[in-house]
Protein backbone atom coordinates (compact mmCIF):
# COMPACT_ATOMS: atom_id res chain seq x y z
CA ALA A 1 -10.78 -76.65 119.65
CA GLY A 2 -13.04 -74.10 121.42
CA ARG A 3 -10.25 -73.33 124.12
CA ALA A 4 -7.65 -72.84 121.33
CA SER A 5 -9.68 -70.41 119.39
CA SER A 6 -10.37 -68.23 122.42
CA LEU A 7 -6.65 -68.20 123.43
CA GLY A 8 -5.69 -67.47 119.85
CA SER A 9 -8.18 -64.75 118.80
CA GLY A 10 -8.96 -63.15 122.25
CA LEU A 11 -12.67 -64.36 122.11
CA PRO A 12 -14.24 -65.29 125.24
CA LEU A 13 -14.36 -68.98 126.01
CA LYS A 14 -17.99 -69.25 126.05
CA ALA A 15 -18.41 -67.54 122.46
CA ALA A 16 -15.75 -69.78 121.07
CA GLY A 17 -17.54 -72.70 122.39
CA ARG A 18 -20.72 -71.74 120.66
CA ALA A 19 -18.82 -71.36 117.48
CA THR A 20 -17.39 -74.84 117.77
CA GLN A 21 -20.89 -76.14 118.49
CA LYS A 22 -22.31 -74.51 115.52
CA ALA A 23 -19.54 -76.34 113.22
CA THR A 24 -20.16 -79.58 114.94
CA THR A 25 -23.99 -79.43 114.12
CA ARG A 26 -23.28 -78.47 110.42
CA ARG A 27 -20.93 -81.64 110.12
CA HIS A 28 -23.43 -83.93 111.89
CA LYS A 29 -26.37 -82.63 109.58
CA ARG A 30 -24.40 -83.34 106.51
CA HIS A 31 -23.71 -86.86 107.48
CA GLY A 32 -27.08 -87.39 108.88
CA ALA A 33 -25.96 -87.95 112.37
CA ARG A 34 -27.48 -87.11 115.83
CA GLU A 35 -26.36 -83.90 117.02
CA PRO A 36 -24.30 -84.40 120.26
CA ARG A 37 -25.05 -82.16 123.18
CA LEU A 38 -22.20 -79.73 124.24
CA ARG A 39 -21.77 -79.75 128.07
CA GLN A 40 -21.73 -76.25 129.43
CA PRO A 41 -18.93 -75.19 131.96
CA ASP A 42 -21.57 -75.01 134.70
CA GLU A 43 -22.94 -78.27 134.02
CA LEU A 44 -19.40 -79.71 134.34
CA GLY A 45 -18.97 -77.91 137.53
CA ARG A 46 -22.29 -79.54 138.84
CA ARG A 47 -21.25 -83.01 137.65
CA ASN A 48 -17.80 -82.86 139.41
CA GLN A 49 -19.32 -81.39 142.71
CA SER A 50 -19.53 -83.73 145.54
CA VAL A 51 -23.03 -84.32 147.34
CA ALA A 52 -22.09 -83.57 150.90
CA ASP A 53 -19.51 -82.94 153.43
CA LEU A 54 -19.01 -84.11 157.10
CA ARG A 55 -21.74 -81.65 158.28
CA GLY A 56 -24.43 -82.68 155.64
CA GLY A 57 -23.95 -79.48 153.68
CA SER A 58 -22.34 -78.91 150.14
CA VAL A 59 -18.71 -79.46 149.38
CA ALA A 60 -17.09 -76.50 147.42
CA ASN A 61 -16.12 -77.15 143.82
CA PRO A 62 -12.46 -76.98 143.93
CA THR A 63 -12.10 -76.39 139.99
CA ASP A 64 -14.35 -73.31 140.12
CA PRO A 65 -12.25 -70.26 140.79
CA ARG A 66 -15.06 -67.85 140.83
CA ASP A 67 -16.14 -69.15 144.10
CA SER A 68 -16.48 -66.17 146.58
CA ARG A 69 -16.83 -68.57 149.77
CA PRO A 70 -13.30 -67.73 150.74
CA LEU A 71 -14.36 -64.23 151.95
CA ALA A 72 -15.52 -66.22 155.09
CA LEU A 73 -12.12 -67.70 155.51
CA TYR A 74 -10.54 -64.31 155.24
CA ALA A 75 -12.98 -62.84 157.89
CA GLY A 76 -12.40 -65.70 160.24
CA ALA A 77 -8.51 -65.66 159.79
CA PHE A 78 -8.84 -61.72 160.46
CA LEU A 79 -10.78 -62.33 163.69
CA PHE A 80 -8.49 -65.13 164.69
CA ILE A 81 -5.35 -63.18 164.42
CA THR A 82 -6.91 -60.11 166.02
CA ALA A 83 -7.74 -62.39 168.95
CA LEU A 84 -4.29 -63.56 169.42
CA SER A 85 -2.62 -60.06 169.01
CA LEU A 86 -4.84 -58.70 171.40
CA VAL A 87 -2.99 -60.45 174.14
CA SER A 88 0.23 -60.99 172.55
CA LEU A 89 1.89 -57.94 174.29
CA TYR A 90 0.81 -58.91 177.78
CA PRO A 91 2.85 -61.99 178.82
CA ALA A 92 6.29 -60.34 178.36
CA PRO A 93 6.00 -57.59 180.75
CA HIS A 94 3.90 -59.51 183.28
CA LEU A 95 6.48 -62.02 183.54
CA VAL A 96 9.40 -59.44 183.69
CA LYS A 97 7.46 -58.14 186.58
CA ILE A 98 6.99 -61.41 188.40
CA LEU A 99 10.24 -63.20 187.59
CA GLY A 100 12.67 -60.60 186.77
CA GLU A 101 14.17 -59.69 183.33
CA ASN A 102 16.54 -62.61 182.69
CA ARG A 103 14.32 -65.47 183.97
CA ALA A 104 11.38 -64.13 182.20
CA THR A 105 13.38 -63.79 178.77
CA SER A 106 14.79 -67.33 179.28
CA LEU A 107 11.26 -68.67 179.99
CA LEU A 108 9.70 -66.99 177.05
CA ALA A 109 12.33 -68.18 174.80
CA THR A 110 12.04 -71.63 175.92
CA VAL A 111 8.25 -71.75 175.41
CA ALA A 112 8.64 -70.38 171.88
CA SER A 113 11.30 -72.92 171.12
CA ALA A 114 9.23 -75.68 172.74
CA SER A 115 6.23 -75.02 170.79
CA ALA A 116 8.21 -74.94 167.43
CA LEU A 117 9.68 -78.34 168.30
CA THR A 118 6.22 -79.68 169.17
CA GLU A 119 5.00 -78.24 165.68
CA ILE A 120 7.96 -80.37 164.05
CA VAL A 121 7.26 -83.56 165.71
CA SER A 122 3.45 -83.22 165.28
CA SER A 123 3.30 -81.81 161.81
CA SER A 124 2.72 -85.33 160.15
CA LEU A 125 0.04 -86.24 162.69
CA ILE A 126 -1.88 -83.00 161.97
CA ALA A 127 -1.49 -83.35 158.20
CA ALA A 128 -2.83 -86.77 158.52
CA LEU A 129 -5.83 -85.57 160.50
CA VAL A 130 -6.59 -82.74 157.97
CA ASP A 131 -6.56 -85.49 155.16
CA ALA A 132 -8.79 -87.84 157.23
CA LEU A 133 -11.36 -85.54 158.87
CA GLY A 134 -11.46 -82.75 156.28
CA ARG A 135 -10.03 -79.09 156.43
CA LYS A 136 -12.91 -77.43 158.19
CA PRO A 137 -13.19 -79.50 161.36
CA VAL A 138 -9.42 -78.95 161.94
CA LEU A 139 -9.63 -75.35 161.06
CA ILE A 140 -12.41 -74.56 163.41
CA GLY A 141 -10.88 -76.78 166.20
CA ALA A 142 -7.68 -74.53 166.14
CA ALA A 143 -9.69 -71.45 166.47
CA CYS A 144 -11.65 -72.97 169.42
CA VAL A 145 -8.71 -74.17 171.32
CA VAL A 146 -7.53 -70.45 171.33
CA ALA A 147 -11.12 -69.19 172.38
CA LEU A 148 -11.16 -71.74 175.17
CA SER A 149 -7.47 -71.17 176.49
CA ASN A 150 -8.10 -67.38 176.59
CA ALA A 151 -11.38 -67.61 178.42
CA LEU A 152 -9.84 -69.82 181.02
CA VAL A 153 -7.01 -67.51 181.70
CA GLY A 154 -9.59 -64.56 181.94
CA LEU A 155 -11.73 -66.24 184.13
CA PHE A 156 -9.35 -68.20 186.60
CA ALA A 157 -5.87 -66.87 186.34
CA SER A 158 -4.29 -65.14 189.24
CA HIS A 159 -2.79 -61.71 188.81
CA GLU A 160 0.39 -63.31 190.13
CA GLY A 161 0.26 -66.48 188.04
CA VAL A 162 2.82 -67.50 185.70
CA LEU A 163 1.71 -70.97 184.34
CA PRO A 164 -1.57 -69.88 182.93
CA PHE A 165 -0.15 -67.35 180.88
CA VAL A 166 2.80 -69.55 179.60
CA ALA A 167 0.28 -72.40 178.92
CA ALA A 168 -2.04 -70.02 176.76
CA LYS A 169 1.07 -68.72 174.80
CA PHE A 170 2.26 -72.20 174.16
CA THR A 171 -1.23 -73.32 173.06
CA ALA A 172 -1.68 -70.25 170.70
CA SER A 173 1.58 -71.03 168.97
CA ILE A 174 0.49 -74.58 168.26
CA ALA A 175 -3.05 -73.32 167.06
CA VAL A 176 -1.46 -70.83 164.69
CA GLY A 177 0.36 -73.46 162.91
CA VAL A 178 -2.59 -75.77 162.67
CA PHE A 179 -5.05 -72.90 161.57
CA PHE A 180 -2.80 -71.84 158.58
CA LEU A 181 -1.96 -75.44 157.48
CA SER A 182 -5.78 -76.00 157.25
CA SER A 183 -6.59 -72.63 155.58
CA GLY A 184 -3.80 -73.00 153.05
CA ALA A 185 -5.24 -76.57 152.22
CA ILE A 186 -8.68 -75.06 151.62
CA LEU A 187 -7.38 -72.42 149.23
CA ALA A 188 -5.24 -74.97 147.45
CA ASP A 189 -8.64 -77.09 147.12
CA LEU A 190 -10.44 -74.11 145.60
CA TYR A 191 -7.88 -72.69 143.28
CA ARG A 192 -5.75 -75.74 142.34
CA SER A 193 -6.60 -75.45 138.71
CA THR A 194 -5.79 -71.51 138.73
CA PRO A 195 -2.36 -71.07 140.36
CA LYS A 196 -2.58 -67.17 139.65
CA LYS A 197 -5.78 -66.71 141.64
CA LEU A 198 -4.26 -69.20 144.32
CA ALA A 199 -1.19 -66.94 144.84
CA ALA A 200 -3.65 -63.75 144.88
CA SER A 201 -5.86 -65.52 147.49
CA ASN A 202 -2.77 -66.18 149.66
CA GLY A 203 -1.50 -62.85 149.35
CA LEU A 204 -4.94 -61.45 150.45
CA LEU A 205 -4.98 -63.80 153.33
CA PHE A 206 -1.50 -62.76 154.58
CA ALA A 207 -2.38 -59.07 154.10
CA LEU A 208 -5.40 -59.49 156.39
CA VAL A 209 -3.24 -61.49 158.89
CA ASN A 210 -1.13 -58.28 159.03
CA ALA A 211 -4.08 -56.09 159.39
CA GLY A 212 -5.46 -58.26 162.01
CA PHE A 213 -2.23 -58.14 163.87
CA GLY A 214 -2.17 -54.29 163.93
CA VAL A 215 -5.94 -54.17 164.95
CA GLY A 216 -5.46 -56.42 167.78
CA VAL A 217 -2.23 -54.63 169.15
CA GLY A 218 -4.13 -51.52 168.75
CA LEU A 219 -6.95 -52.51 170.74
CA SER A 220 -4.82 -53.82 173.48
CA GLY A 221 -3.89 -50.33 174.11
CA VAL A 222 -7.50 -49.56 175.14
CA PHE A 223 -7.02 -51.65 178.37
CA LYS A 224 -4.95 -49.80 180.78
CA GLU A 225 -2.17 -51.52 182.58
CA GLY A 226 -3.92 -51.16 186.09
CA LEU A 227 -7.08 -53.13 184.65
CA GLY A 228 -5.17 -56.42 184.80
CA HIS A 229 -5.40 -59.29 182.44
CA ARG A 230 -9.11 -60.54 182.78
CA LEU A 231 -10.71 -57.99 180.32
CA PRO A 232 -8.02 -58.50 177.61
CA TYR A 233 -8.15 -62.27 177.59
CA LEU A 234 -11.93 -62.39 177.87
CA ALA A 235 -12.22 -59.88 174.89
CA SER A 236 -9.78 -61.99 173.12
CA SER A 237 -11.87 -65.13 173.72
CA LEU A 238 -14.89 -63.51 172.42
CA ILE A 239 -13.37 -62.14 169.16
CA ALA A 240 -11.99 -65.85 168.66
CA LEU A 241 -15.56 -67.03 169.11
CA GLY A 242 -16.79 -64.58 166.33
CA GLY A 243 -14.04 -66.00 164.15
CA VAL A 244 -15.37 -69.65 164.89
CA LEU A 245 -18.94 -68.45 163.81
CA ALA A 246 -17.65 -67.01 160.62
CA LEU A 247 -15.63 -70.18 159.79
CA ALA A 248 -18.54 -72.55 160.67
CA LEU A 249 -21.29 -70.69 158.73
CA GLY A 250 -19.50 -69.37 155.75
CA VAL A 251 -16.47 -71.78 154.99
CA PRO A 252 -17.25 -74.89 152.98
CA GLU A 253 -15.65 -78.20 153.30
CA THR A 254 -13.55 -78.36 150.16
CA MET A 255 -12.36 -81.99 150.51
CA ALA A 256 -14.86 -84.51 149.20
CA PRO A 257 -15.60 -87.58 151.37
CA SER A 258 -14.13 -89.83 148.60
CA GLU A 259 -10.80 -88.00 148.76
CA ARG A 260 -10.21 -88.46 152.30
CA LYS A 261 -7.62 -90.82 153.74
CA PRO A 262 -8.73 -92.53 156.98
CA LEU A 263 -6.20 -92.60 159.79
CA SER A 264 -6.41 -96.52 159.52
CA SER A 265 -4.75 -96.31 156.19
CA LEU A 266 -1.64 -94.99 157.70
CA SER A 267 0.42 -97.68 159.41
CA ARG A 268 2.35 -97.04 162.48
CA GLY A 269 5.70 -97.31 160.83
CA VAL A 270 4.78 -94.64 158.21
CA LEU A 271 4.12 -92.09 161.06
CA LEU A 272 7.14 -93.06 163.15
CA SER A 273 9.41 -92.61 160.20
CA ARG A 274 8.01 -89.25 159.33
CA ILE A 275 8.51 -88.20 162.97
CA ALA A 276 11.85 -89.75 163.15
CA ASN A 277 13.33 -87.61 160.25
CA PRO A 278 12.84 -84.13 161.41
CA PHE A 279 15.59 -82.67 159.17
CA ASN A 280 13.66 -82.72 155.91
CA PHE A 281 14.83 -79.24 154.79
CA VAL A 282 18.40 -80.66 154.10
CA ARG A 283 16.91 -82.19 151.05
CA LEU A 284 16.70 -78.67 149.60
CA LEU A 285 20.51 -78.12 150.13
CA ARG A 286 21.33 -81.31 148.11
CA GLN A 287 19.57 -80.25 144.89
CA GLY A 288 22.31 -78.05 143.15
CA PRO A 289 24.17 -74.96 144.03
CA ARG A 290 21.31 -72.53 142.94
CA LEU A 291 18.69 -74.13 145.07
CA ARG A 292 21.36 -74.46 147.99
CA LEU A 293 21.68 -70.63 147.77
CA LEU A 294 18.03 -69.82 147.66
CA THR A 295 17.29 -72.00 150.58
CA ILE A 296 20.03 -70.25 152.48
CA LEU A 297 18.62 -66.92 151.42
CA VAL A 298 15.36 -67.99 152.85
CA ALA A 299 16.78 -68.72 156.00
CA LEU A 300 18.65 -65.35 156.24
CA HIS A 301 15.67 -63.50 155.71
CA SER A 302 13.38 -65.57 157.97
CA ALA A 303 15.80 -65.88 161.24
CA PRO A 304 15.16 -62.26 162.43
CA MET A 305 11.53 -63.11 162.71
CA PHE A 306 11.95 -65.68 165.35
CA MET A 307 13.58 -63.48 168.07
CA GLY A 308 10.89 -64.52 170.39
CA ASP A 309 9.99 -61.72 172.88
CA VAL A 310 13.41 -60.20 172.97
CA LEU A 311 12.29 -57.24 171.07
CA GLN A 312 9.55 -56.67 173.58
CA VAL A 313 11.76 -57.15 176.70
CA PHE A 314 14.48 -54.77 175.03
CA VAL A 315 12.16 -51.78 174.44
CA TYR A 316 10.52 -52.08 177.99
CA SER A 317 13.65 -52.58 180.00
CA GLU A 318 16.38 -50.65 178.01
CA TRP A 319 14.17 -47.71 176.50
CA GLY A 320 11.65 -47.68 179.38
CA LEU A 321 8.62 -47.34 176.95
CA LYS A 322 5.15 -47.17 178.02
CA LYS A 323 2.51 -49.70 176.80
CA SER A 324 1.10 -47.17 174.49
CA ASP A 325 4.50 -46.59 172.90
CA VAL A 326 5.06 -50.34 172.25
CA VAL A 327 1.60 -50.50 170.93
CA ALA A 328 2.41 -47.86 168.55
CA LEU A 329 5.49 -49.44 167.37
CA PHE A 330 3.90 -52.89 166.80
CA SER A 331 0.83 -51.41 165.12
CA LEU A 332 3.07 -49.66 162.57
CA LEU A 333 5.08 -52.73 161.94
CA ALA A 334 1.81 -54.58 161.13
CA THR A 335 0.60 -51.73 159.05
CA THR A 336 3.78 -51.65 156.99
CA GLY A 337 3.72 -55.41 156.44
CA THR A 338 0.16 -55.07 154.91
CA PHE A 339 1.17 -52.25 152.41
CA ALA A 340 4.36 -54.20 151.72
CA ASN A 341 2.58 -57.40 150.42
CA ILE A 342 0.01 -55.38 148.70
CA ALA A 343 2.73 -53.52 146.90
CA ALA A 344 4.34 -56.55 145.91
CA ALA A 345 1.34 -57.93 144.49
CA LEU A 346 0.51 -54.86 142.53
CA GLY A 347 3.81 -54.54 140.77
CA ALA A 348 6.61 -53.43 143.00
CA VAL A 349 8.85 -56.24 141.71
CA LYS A 350 8.65 -55.07 138.08
CA LEU A 351 9.43 -51.45 139.53
CA PHE A 352 12.72 -52.47 140.84
CA GLY A 353 13.71 -54.39 137.62
CA GLY A 354 12.91 -58.14 138.86
CA LEU A 355 13.52 -60.34 141.58
CA ARG A 356 17.15 -59.47 142.41
CA GLY A 357 16.39 -55.64 142.40
CA PHE A 358 13.47 -56.22 144.68
CA ASN A 359 15.38 -58.32 146.99
CA ALA A 360 18.16 -55.68 147.23
CA ALA A 361 15.71 -52.96 147.92
CA ALA A 362 13.58 -54.71 150.44
CA THR A 363 16.57 -56.09 152.19
CA LEU A 364 18.02 -52.60 152.52
CA SER A 365 14.72 -51.32 153.54
CA GLY A 366 14.41 -53.78 156.45
CA GLY A 367 18.04 -53.07 157.65
CA LEU A 368 16.83 -49.52 158.42
CA PHE A 369 14.88 -50.83 161.24
CA TRP A 370 17.80 -52.82 162.88
CA LEU A 371 19.93 -49.61 162.41
CA ALA A 372 17.43 -47.62 164.43
CA LEU A 373 17.44 -49.91 167.21
CA LEU A 374 21.17 -50.04 167.34
CA LEU A 375 21.06 -46.31 167.62
CA GLY A 376 19.00 -46.55 170.43
CA ASP A 377 16.22 -44.10 169.37
CA TYR A 378 12.40 -44.67 169.56
CA LYS A 379 11.48 -41.95 167.00
CA ALA A 380 14.00 -43.13 164.66
CA ALA A 381 12.70 -46.68 164.90
CA LEU A 382 9.26 -45.40 164.11
CA LEU A 383 10.73 -43.35 161.14
CA CYS A 384 12.60 -46.40 159.68
CA THR A 385 9.68 -48.70 159.95
CA ALA A 386 7.69 -46.35 157.82
CA VAL A 387 10.29 -45.50 155.20
CA GLY A 388 11.63 -49.11 154.97
CA PHE A 389 8.10 -50.51 154.78
CA LEU A 390 9.08 -52.67 151.88
CA GLY A 391 11.42 -54.69 154.06
CA GLN A 392 8.45 -56.56 155.22
CA ALA A 393 8.10 -58.41 151.99
CA LYS A 394 11.73 -59.20 151.37
CA SER A 395 11.18 -63.01 151.66
CA ILE A 396 8.95 -62.85 148.28
CA PRO A 397 11.76 -63.35 145.95
CA ALA A 398 13.63 -66.32 147.65
CA ALA A 399 10.34 -68.04 148.27
CA THR A 400 9.37 -67.74 144.63
CA LEU A 401 12.40 -69.23 143.17
CA VAL A 402 12.61 -72.04 145.73
CA ALA A 403 9.40 -73.30 144.32
CA THR A 404 10.35 -72.97 140.61
CA GLU A 405 13.81 -74.15 141.02
CA GLY A 406 12.71 -77.06 143.03
CA PHE A 407 10.30 -78.00 140.33
CA GLN A 408 13.16 -77.90 137.73
CA ALA A 409 14.94 -80.39 140.12
CA GLY A 410 12.03 -82.72 140.01
CA LEU A 411 10.60 -82.24 143.27
CA THR A 412 6.79 -81.87 143.64
CA GLN A 413 5.32 -78.61 145.14
CA GLY A 414 4.10 -80.75 148.27
CA GLN A 415 7.69 -81.80 149.11
CA ILE A 416 8.93 -78.31 148.37
CA ALA A 417 6.54 -76.60 150.73
CA GLY A 418 7.00 -79.27 153.28
CA ASP A 419 10.79 -78.92 153.42
CA ARG A 420 10.63 -75.12 153.60
CA ALA A 421 8.01 -75.40 156.38
CA ASN A 422 10.47 -77.79 158.30
CA LEU A 423 13.39 -75.12 157.84
CA ILE A 424 11.25 -72.37 159.28
CA ALA A 425 10.21 -74.58 162.17
CA TRP A 426 13.69 -75.28 163.19
CA LEU A 427 14.43 -71.48 162.95
CA LYS A 428 11.66 -70.97 165.30
CA VAL A 429 13.20 -73.63 167.67
CA VAL A 430 16.82 -72.25 167.61
CA GLY A 431 15.93 -68.57 167.09
CA PRO A 432 14.40 -67.56 170.38
CA LEU A 433 16.99 -69.55 172.47
CA PHE A 434 19.93 -68.02 170.54
CA TYR A 435 18.51 -64.40 170.58
CA GLN A 436 17.74 -64.56 174.28
CA ARG A 437 21.42 -65.71 174.80
CA LEU A 438 22.71 -62.98 172.75
CA TYR A 439 20.64 -60.29 174.73
CA VAL A 440 21.63 -61.62 178.24
CA GLU A 441 25.37 -62.00 177.47
CA GLY A 442 25.62 -58.87 175.51
CA LYS A 443 24.22 -56.87 178.35
CA ARG A 444 26.11 -58.74 180.98
CA GLN A 445 29.50 -59.13 179.51
CA LEU A 446 29.78 -56.31 176.96
CA GLY A 447 27.22 -53.76 178.19
CA PHE A 448 25.62 -53.87 174.92
CA PRO A 449 22.09 -55.33 175.19
CA ALA A 450 21.50 -54.46 171.35
CA LEU A 451 23.55 -57.33 170.22
CA PRO A 452 20.74 -59.35 168.77
CA PHE A 453 20.01 -56.34 166.43
CA ALA A 454 23.51 -56.23 165.28
CA LEU A 455 23.20 -59.76 164.18
CA ASN A 456 20.25 -58.91 162.19
CA ALA A 457 22.12 -56.26 160.40
CA LEU A 458 24.76 -58.50 159.55
CA LEU A 459 22.28 -61.15 158.21
CA ALA A 460 20.66 -58.43 156.15
CA LEU A 461 24.07 -57.75 154.69
CA ALA A 462 24.65 -61.34 153.89
CA ALA A 463 21.22 -61.69 152.50
CA LEU A 464 22.16 -58.94 150.11
CA LEU A 465 25.47 -60.68 148.88
CA VAL A 466 23.73 -64.08 148.75
CA GLY A 467 20.69 -62.62 146.80
CA HIS A 468 22.85 -60.93 144.37
CA THR A 469 24.23 -64.32 143.32
CA ALA A 470 21.20 -66.56 143.99
CA LEU A 471 18.59 -64.40 142.35
CA ARG A 472 20.53 -63.86 139.06
CA PRO A 473 18.55 -64.14 135.96
CA PRO A 474 18.85 -67.68 134.11
CA ALA A 475 21.63 -67.93 131.72
CA GLN A 476 20.66 -67.01 128.15
CA ALA A 477 21.85 -70.18 126.89
CA THR A 478 19.54 -72.23 129.00
CA GLN A 479 16.59 -70.16 127.97
CA ALA A 480 17.66 -70.40 124.14
CA GLY A 481 17.91 -74.25 124.62
CA GLY A 482 14.54 -74.56 126.25
CA GLU A 483 12.85 -72.39 123.56
CA ALA A 484 14.57 -73.61 120.50
CA GLY A 485 15.53 -77.41 121.61
CA GLN A 486 14.33 -79.96 119.02
CA GLY A 487 13.12 -83.39 119.93
CA ALA A 488 12.04 -84.71 123.02
CA ASP A 489 14.95 -83.12 125.10
CA GLY A 490 14.19 -79.71 123.72
CA LYS A 491 10.55 -80.07 124.28
CA ASN A 492 11.20 -80.98 127.99
CA LYS A 493 13.40 -77.91 128.57
CA GLY A 494 10.95 -75.60 126.82
CA ASP A 495 8.34 -77.10 129.25
CA LEU A 496 10.40 -76.43 132.29
CA SER A 497 11.13 -72.82 131.04
CA ALA A 498 7.44 -72.06 130.51
CA ALA A 499 6.50 -73.74 133.93
CA ARG A 500 9.18 -71.74 135.63
CA LYS A 501 7.84 -68.48 134.30
CA ALA A 502 4.25 -69.52 135.09
CA ALA A 503 5.19 -70.28 138.56
CA GLU A 504 7.06 -67.21 139.21
CA ALA A 505 4.14 -65.07 137.75
CA ALA A 506 1.78 -66.99 139.92
CA ALA A 507 3.66 -66.60 143.11
CA LEU A 508 4.06 -62.90 142.51
CA GLY A 509 0.23 -62.45 141.75
CA GLY A 510 0.83 -62.10 137.89
CA CYS A 511 3.99 -59.90 138.24
CA THR A 512 6.74 -61.41 136.00
CA PRO A 513 10.33 -60.67 136.86
């Protein structure tokens, strides 16, 4: 009653609760009954809180959206990405110098695809570890692996070596997936009762990821090329250790011991069946034409992100850029990505008239960058990156409606997220190899090394056309049937319509299309 009163009159929930308590007291006094004690929200939170985590400390209350402890998670993620990006631009030019352009490009593409394939095969095992050990140990373990691998490269790798740098790059690719799987689970535990805050927290996390990438790439420019690899890799290791400390001291274990699933509860047959079926994303393509188009749109937007190191090799080899110029370009990409995600969360979707308008504007904005690369002008690339900053958030509309349409199709959010992650992982496998082949053959056969960017421009055009159909507003008849339907069938339709609007608002940080 208190909750209904607060929603209807705009009164705070606590005030409405006091009014309900007074009414209950008067009723019991009239009947001579003992006055019941009304539980306060903070008391309920304490009652639901678990007593200890794996380390003997307190477990975060997953139902309390006011919990400020994710700040340590944000700080740890920022330092983790900064450490990775500090050395992210080193392997490509180093391997080109040692192996030559073609062999280096092929090796880097193979490493990227191998890491993605490993991620597909091991994802079920990692998810089982997260549920068995808790979120925090796996999260800290991923950061520790990066700190250790970069320290080993900095201390022991030779200036003419190849294997240490390839191994560190492979390890970092795996650790990133594990880190964000664990961090996403922590945020979901903390805000599972408030999806709007969950969407906002995820948006802030990935804004900080973009910021960390920009800071790390910027710091890499401080180390001159003649200094070698030792200082950058050791500095990266120290920054990663700082992230480990932030996570260890500030992030709570959000999964109560009673909720954990021991590894012994998963039979060998269950794990093998999960690993043996690596094409789970196909299920999204079988859920009707609208969800099929949305899944295709996700793939069109995501494919250019998995070019591997082709862009780095191109700007070094074809444009002859210095390291400082490459650092400036990638720092600008990171900065615009941060602003694009913030703009989307603050209302840019409404500014363009909804999801379809935002998709068109963001897709065209992102296409400007590929056009500049086709023109072969470095300054034009910088200008188009700044002007077309909104292109960094072009995947928001499709990702939002995949979740809502999947829900209407009867899929759980866990299955939707898993199938979408499976699709992205396969793009990470195929993308680097395919783009590397386009670059090499385009340069050798056609004298046109910018062929991968021409493909990206065509993908942007296809995304514009597919998005116009896939992101169209729902039919008025369906909405009317959901809102005015009578009986059980009408009620279910109305519930789905309301849930869809709520999910869209949550995924966009409260911005309804």
